[in-house]
Amino acid sequence: MSMEQLKKINEVEGQADKIRKDGLAESKRLVSKAKEDAAALVDDAQLKADAMYRDVLSKAEAEAQLAYDQVISKAESDCTAILANAGKKLDNAVSVIVGRVVN
C-alpha cells in the first residue's frame, strides 16, 4: 500500500471516530433532553392531578354540606311537629287527669 492510501485510510478512520464520538455525544444529549422533558411532563401531570383532586374534593364537600343542611332542616321540622303534637297531647292528658281528680 502506498503512503497516500495509508494517509487516506487514517483520515477516513479519524472521520469515522469523530462521527462515532459526535453520535455518542448527540445520543447522550438526546437522552438527557428526553429525561428532562419526561420529568417536566410528570410535574405538569402532578400539578393537574392535584388541581383536579382539590376541585373534586371541594365539590364533594359542598354536596355533603348541602345534604347535611337538608337533613338538619328536616330533623328540626320533625322535632317541631313532634313537640307541637306532644303539646296538644299534654293538654289533653292534663284535662283527663284533672277531670279524674275533680270527679
N, C-alpha and C. Protein backbone atom coordinates (compact mmCIF):
# COMPACT_ATOMS: atom_id res chain seq x y z
N MET A 1 0.84 -1.16 0.00
CA MET A 1 0.00 0.00 0.00
C MET A 1 0.90 1.23 0.00
N SER A 2 0.41 2.19 -0.65
CA SER A 2 1.20 3.41 -0.76
C SER A 2 0.92 4.32 0.43
N MET A 3 1.83 5.25 0.63
CA MET A 3 1.66 6.22 1.71
C MET A 3 0.38 7.02 1.55
N GLU A 4 0.07 7.30 0.31
CA GLU A 4 -1.14 8.06 0.00
C GLU A 4 -2.38 7.30 0.48
N GLN A 5 -2.44 6.01 0.24
CA GLN A 5 -3.57 5.20 0.63
C GLN A 5 -3.64 5.08 2.15
N LEU A 6 -2.49 4.90 2.80
CA LEU A 6 -2.47 4.83 4.27
C LEU A 6 -2.94 6.13 4.89
N LYS A 7 -2.51 7.22 4.29
CA LYS A 7 -2.94 8.54 4.77
C LYS A 7 -4.46 8.68 4.64
N LYS A 8 -4.99 8.23 3.50
CA LYS A 8 -6.43 8.30 3.24
C LYS A 8 -7.19 7.43 4.24
N ILE A 9 -6.64 6.22 4.50
CA ILE A 9 -7.28 5.31 5.46
C ILE A 9 -7.28 5.95 6.84
N ASN A 10 -6.20 6.54 7.26
CA ASN A 10 -6.12 7.21 8.56
C ASN A 10 -7.13 8.36 8.64
N GLU A 11 -7.25 9.13 7.56
CA GLU A 11 -8.22 10.23 7.54
C GLU A 11 -9.64 9.69 7.69
N VAL A 12 -9.94 8.66 6.94
CA VAL A 12 -11.29 8.08 6.99
C VAL A 12 -11.55 7.50 8.38
N GLU A 13 -10.57 6.81 8.96
CA GLU A 13 -10.75 6.27 10.31
C GLU A 13 -10.93 7.40 11.31
N GLY A 14 -10.18 8.48 11.14
CA GLY A 14 -10.34 9.65 12.01
C GLY A 14 -11.73 10.24 11.89
N GLN A 15 -12.21 10.35 10.65
CA GLN A 15 -13.56 10.87 10.43
C GLN A 15 -14.61 9.93 11.06
N ALA A 16 -14.36 8.62 10.91
CA ALA A 16 -15.30 7.64 11.49
C ALA A 16 -15.31 7.76 13.01
N ASP A 17 -14.14 7.92 13.62
CA ASP A 17 -14.08 8.10 15.09
C ASP A 17 -14.81 9.37 15.50
N LYS A 18 -14.60 10.45 14.75
CA LYS A 18 -15.28 11.71 15.06
C LYS A 18 -16.79 11.56 14.94
N ILE A 19 -17.21 10.87 13.88
CA ILE A 19 -18.66 10.65 13.68
C ILE A 19 -19.22 9.83 14.84
N ARG A 20 -18.48 8.78 15.27
CA ARG A 20 -18.94 7.96 16.41
C ARG A 20 -19.01 8.79 17.68
N LYS A 21 -17.96 9.59 17.95
CA LYS A 21 -17.94 10.43 19.15
C LYS A 21 -19.06 11.45 19.11
N ASP A 22 -19.25 12.08 17.96
CA ASP A 22 -20.33 13.06 17.82
C ASP A 22 -21.69 12.39 17.98
N GLY A 23 -21.83 11.20 17.40
CA GLY A 23 -23.09 10.46 17.53
C GLY A 23 -23.36 10.07 18.98
N LEU A 24 -22.33 9.64 19.67
CA LEU A 24 -22.48 9.27 21.08
C LEU A 24 -22.85 10.49 21.92
N ALA A 25 -22.16 11.61 21.66
CA ALA A 25 -22.47 12.84 22.39
C ALA A 25 -23.91 13.28 22.11
N GLU A 26 -24.32 13.20 20.85
CA GLU A 26 -25.68 13.60 20.48
C GLU A 26 -26.71 12.67 21.12
N SER A 27 -26.42 11.37 21.15
CA SER A 27 -27.37 10.44 21.77
C SER A 27 -27.48 10.71 23.26
N LYS A 28 -26.36 11.03 23.93
CA LYS A 28 -26.40 11.37 25.35
C LYS A 28 -27.20 12.65 25.58
N ARG A 29 -27.01 13.63 24.68
CA ARG A 29 -27.76 14.88 24.79
C ARG A 29 -29.25 14.62 24.61
N LEU A 30 -29.58 13.78 23.63
CA LEU A 30 -31.00 13.47 23.37
C LEU A 30 -31.62 12.72 24.55
N VAL A 31 -30.89 11.79 25.13
CA VAL A 31 -31.39 11.04 26.29
C VAL A 31 -31.60 12.00 27.46
N SER A 32 -30.64 12.89 27.68
CA SER A 32 -30.76 13.86 28.76
C SER A 32 -31.96 14.77 28.55
N LYS A 33 -32.13 15.25 27.32
CA LYS A 33 -33.27 16.11 26.99
C LYS A 33 -34.58 15.36 27.18
N ALA A 34 -34.62 14.10 26.76
CA ALA A 34 -35.84 13.29 26.91
C ALA A 34 -36.18 13.09 28.38
N LYS A 35 -35.14 12.88 29.22
CA LYS A 35 -35.39 12.73 30.66
C LYS A 35 -35.93 14.03 31.25
N GLU A 36 -35.36 15.16 30.84
CA GLU A 36 -35.86 16.45 31.32
C GLU A 36 -37.30 16.68 30.89
N ASP A 37 -37.59 16.38 29.62
CA ASP A 37 -38.95 16.54 29.11
C ASP A 37 -39.92 15.63 29.86
N ALA A 38 -39.50 14.40 30.11
CA ALA A 38 -40.36 13.45 30.84
C ALA A 38 -40.61 13.94 32.26
N ALA A 39 -39.57 14.46 32.91
CA ALA A 39 -39.73 14.98 34.27
C ALA A 39 -40.69 16.16 34.28
N ALA A 40 -40.57 17.02 33.26
CA ALA A 40 -41.47 18.17 33.17
C ALA A 40 -42.91 17.71 32.95
N LEU A 41 -43.10 16.69 32.13
CA LEU A 41 -44.45 16.16 31.90
C LEU A 41 -45.02 15.55 33.18
N VAL A 42 -44.18 14.84 33.92
CA VAL A 42 -44.64 14.24 35.19
C VAL A 42 -45.04 15.35 36.16
N ASP A 43 -44.20 16.39 36.25
CA ASP A 43 -44.53 17.51 37.15
C ASP A 43 -45.83 18.17 36.75
N ASP A 44 -46.00 18.40 35.45
CA ASP A 44 -47.22 19.02 34.95
C ASP A 44 -48.44 18.15 35.24
N ALA A 45 -48.30 16.86 35.01
CA ALA A 45 -49.41 15.94 35.28
C ALA A 45 -49.75 15.93 36.77
N GLN A 46 -48.72 15.99 37.62
CA GLN A 46 -48.96 16.01 39.07
C GLN A 46 -49.70 17.28 39.48
N LEU A 47 -49.30 18.41 38.92
CA LEU A 47 -49.99 19.67 39.22
C LEU A 47 -51.44 19.62 38.78
N LYS A 48 -51.67 19.08 37.58
CA LYS A 48 -53.05 18.98 37.08
C LYS A 48 -53.87 18.01 37.93
N ALA A 49 -53.26 16.90 38.32
CA ALA A 49 -53.96 15.92 39.16
C ALA A 49 -54.30 16.53 40.52
N ASP A 50 -53.36 17.29 41.10
CA ASP A 50 -53.63 17.95 42.38
C ASP A 50 -54.77 18.95 42.25
N ALA A 51 -54.78 19.71 41.17
CA ALA A 51 -55.85 20.69 40.95
C ALA A 51 -57.19 19.98 40.78
N MET A 52 -57.20 18.89 40.02
CA MET A 52 -58.44 18.13 39.84
C MET A 52 -58.91 17.55 41.18
N TYR A 53 -57.97 17.05 41.98
CA TYR A 53 -58.31 16.49 43.28
C TYR A 53 -58.95 17.55 44.17
N ARG A 54 -58.33 18.74 44.21
CA ARG A 54 -58.88 19.82 45.03
C ARG A 54 -60.27 20.22 44.54
N ASP A 55 -60.46 20.24 43.23
CA ASP A 55 -61.76 20.61 42.65
C ASP A 55 -62.83 19.58 43.01
N VAL A 56 -62.49 18.30 42.84
CA VAL A 56 -63.45 17.23 43.16
C VAL A 56 -63.76 17.23 44.66
N LEU A 57 -62.73 17.40 45.47
CA LEU A 57 -62.93 17.42 46.92
C LEU A 57 -63.81 18.60 47.33
N SER A 58 -63.56 19.75 46.73
CA SER A 58 -64.36 20.94 47.04
C SER A 58 -65.83 20.71 46.68
N LYS A 59 -66.07 20.14 45.50
CA LYS A 59 -67.46 19.87 45.08
C LYS A 59 -68.11 18.84 46.00
N ALA A 60 -67.35 17.82 46.39
CA ALA A 60 -67.90 16.80 47.28
C ALA A 60 -68.23 17.40 48.65
N GLU A 61 -67.36 18.28 49.13
CA GLU A 61 -67.63 18.92 50.42
C GLU A 61 -68.88 19.80 50.33
N ALA A 62 -69.05 20.50 49.23
CA ALA A 62 -70.24 21.35 49.04
C ALA A 62 -71.50 20.49 48.99
N GLU A 63 -71.44 19.37 48.28
CA GLU A 63 -72.60 18.47 48.20
C GLU A 63 -72.89 17.86 49.57
N ALA A 64 -71.85 17.50 50.30
CA ALA A 64 -72.03 16.92 51.64
C ALA A 64 -72.65 17.95 52.57
N GLN A 65 -72.19 19.21 52.47
CA GLN A 65 -72.75 20.27 53.32
C GLN A 65 -74.22 20.49 53.00
N LEU A 66 -74.56 20.46 51.72
CA LEU A 66 -75.95 20.64 51.31
C LEU A 66 -76.81 19.50 51.86
N ALA A 67 -76.34 18.27 51.73
CA ALA A 67 -77.08 17.11 52.24
C ALA A 67 -77.23 17.21 53.75
N TYR A 68 -76.16 17.63 54.44
CA TYR A 68 -76.19 17.79 55.90
C TYR A 68 -77.23 18.84 56.28
N ASP A 69 -77.19 19.97 55.60
CA ASP A 69 -78.14 21.05 55.90
C ASP A 69 -79.58 20.58 55.68
N GLN A 70 -79.82 19.80 54.64
CA GLN A 70 -81.17 19.29 54.38
C GLN A 70 -81.62 18.33 55.47
N VAL A 71 -80.71 17.46 55.92
CA VAL A 71 -81.04 16.50 56.98
C VAL A 71 -81.34 17.25 58.28
N ILE A 72 -80.52 18.24 58.60
CA ILE A 72 -80.73 19.03 59.83
C ILE A 72 -82.05 19.78 59.74
N SER A 73 -82.35 20.37 58.60
CA SER A 73 -83.60 21.11 58.43
C SER A 73 -84.80 20.18 58.60
N LYS A 74 -84.71 18.99 58.00
CA LYS A 74 -85.81 18.00 58.13
C LYS A 74 -85.96 17.57 59.58
N ALA A 75 -84.84 17.34 60.26
CA ALA A 75 -84.89 16.91 61.66
C ALA A 75 -85.51 18.01 62.53
N GLU A 76 -85.13 19.26 62.26
CA GLU A 76 -85.71 20.38 63.03
C GLU A 76 -87.21 20.47 62.79
N SER A 77 -87.61 20.29 61.54
CA SER A 77 -89.04 20.33 61.20
C SER A 77 -89.79 19.20 61.90
N ASP A 78 -89.19 18.00 61.87
CA ASP A 78 -89.82 16.85 62.54
C ASP A 78 -89.92 17.08 64.04
N CYS A 79 -88.86 17.62 64.63
CA CYS A 79 -88.87 17.89 66.08
C CYS A 79 -89.94 18.91 66.44
N THR A 80 -90.06 19.95 65.61
CA THR A 80 -91.09 20.97 65.85
C THR A 80 -92.48 20.34 65.78
N ALA A 81 -92.71 19.48 64.81
CA ALA A 81 -94.01 18.81 64.68
C ALA A 81 -94.27 17.89 65.86
N ILE A 82 -93.24 17.16 66.29
CA ILE A 82 -93.39 16.25 67.44
C ILE A 82 -93.70 17.05 68.71
N LEU A 83 -92.98 18.16 68.90
CA LEU A 83 -93.23 18.99 70.09
C LEU A 83 -94.63 19.58 70.06
N ALA A 84 -95.08 20.04 68.88
CA ALA A 84 -96.43 20.59 68.78
C ALA A 84 -97.47 19.52 69.08
N ASN A 85 -97.25 18.32 68.56
CA ASN A 85 -98.18 17.21 68.80
C ASN A 85 -98.15 16.81 70.28
N ALA A 86 -96.95 16.80 70.87
CA ALA A 86 -96.84 16.45 72.28
C ALA A 86 -97.54 17.50 73.15
N GLY A 87 -97.42 18.76 72.74
CA GLY A 87 -98.10 19.83 73.50
C GLY A 87 -99.60 19.64 73.50
N LYS A 88 -100.15 19.25 72.34
CA LYS A 88 -101.59 19.01 72.24
C LYS A 88 -101.98 17.83 73.13
N LYS A 89 -101.19 16.77 73.10
CA LYS A 89 -101.50 15.59 73.90
C LYS A 89 -101.33 15.88 75.39
N LEU A 90 -100.36 16.75 75.70
CA LEU A 90 -100.15 17.12 77.12
C LEU A 90 -101.38 17.84 77.64
N ASP A 91 -101.90 18.77 76.85
CA ASP A 91 -103.11 19.49 77.26
C ASP A 91 -104.25 18.51 77.47
N ASN A 92 -104.39 17.54 76.59
CA ASN A 92 -105.45 16.54 76.69
C ASN A 92 -105.22 15.68 77.94
N ALA A 93 -103.95 15.27 78.18
CA ALA A 93 -103.64 14.44 79.34
C ALA A 93 -103.94 15.20 80.63
N VAL A 94 -103.58 16.46 80.67
CA VAL A 94 -103.85 17.28 81.87
C VAL A 94 -105.36 17.37 82.09
N SER A 95 -106.11 17.55 81.04
CA SER A 95 -107.56 17.64 81.17
C SER A 95 -108.14 16.34 81.70
N VAL A 96 -107.65 15.20 81.21
CA VAL A 96 -108.14 13.91 81.67
C VAL A 96 -107.80 13.73 83.14
N ILE A 97 -106.56 14.04 83.54
CA ILE A 97 -106.14 13.85 84.93
C ILE A 97 -106.93 14.79 85.85
N VAL A 98 -107.06 16.03 85.45
CA VAL A 98 -107.81 16.99 86.27
C VAL A 98 -109.26 16.52 86.36
N GLY A 99 -109.79 16.02 85.25
CA GLY A 99 -111.18 15.54 85.26
C GLY A 99 -111.35 14.38 86.21
N ARG A 100 -110.39 13.48 86.29
CA ARG A 100 -110.48 12.33 87.18
C ARG A 100 -110.30 12.74 88.64
N VAL A 101 -109.40 13.67 88.86
CA VAL A 101 -109.15 14.11 90.24
C VAL A 101 -110.35 14.89 90.76
N VAL A 102 -110.89 15.73 89.95
CA VAL A 102 -112.01 16.55 90.36
C VAL A 102 -113.27 15.69 90.52
N ASN A 103 -113.44 14.72 89.68
CA ASN A 103 -114.65 13.90 89.76
C ASN A 103 -114.50 12.87 90.78
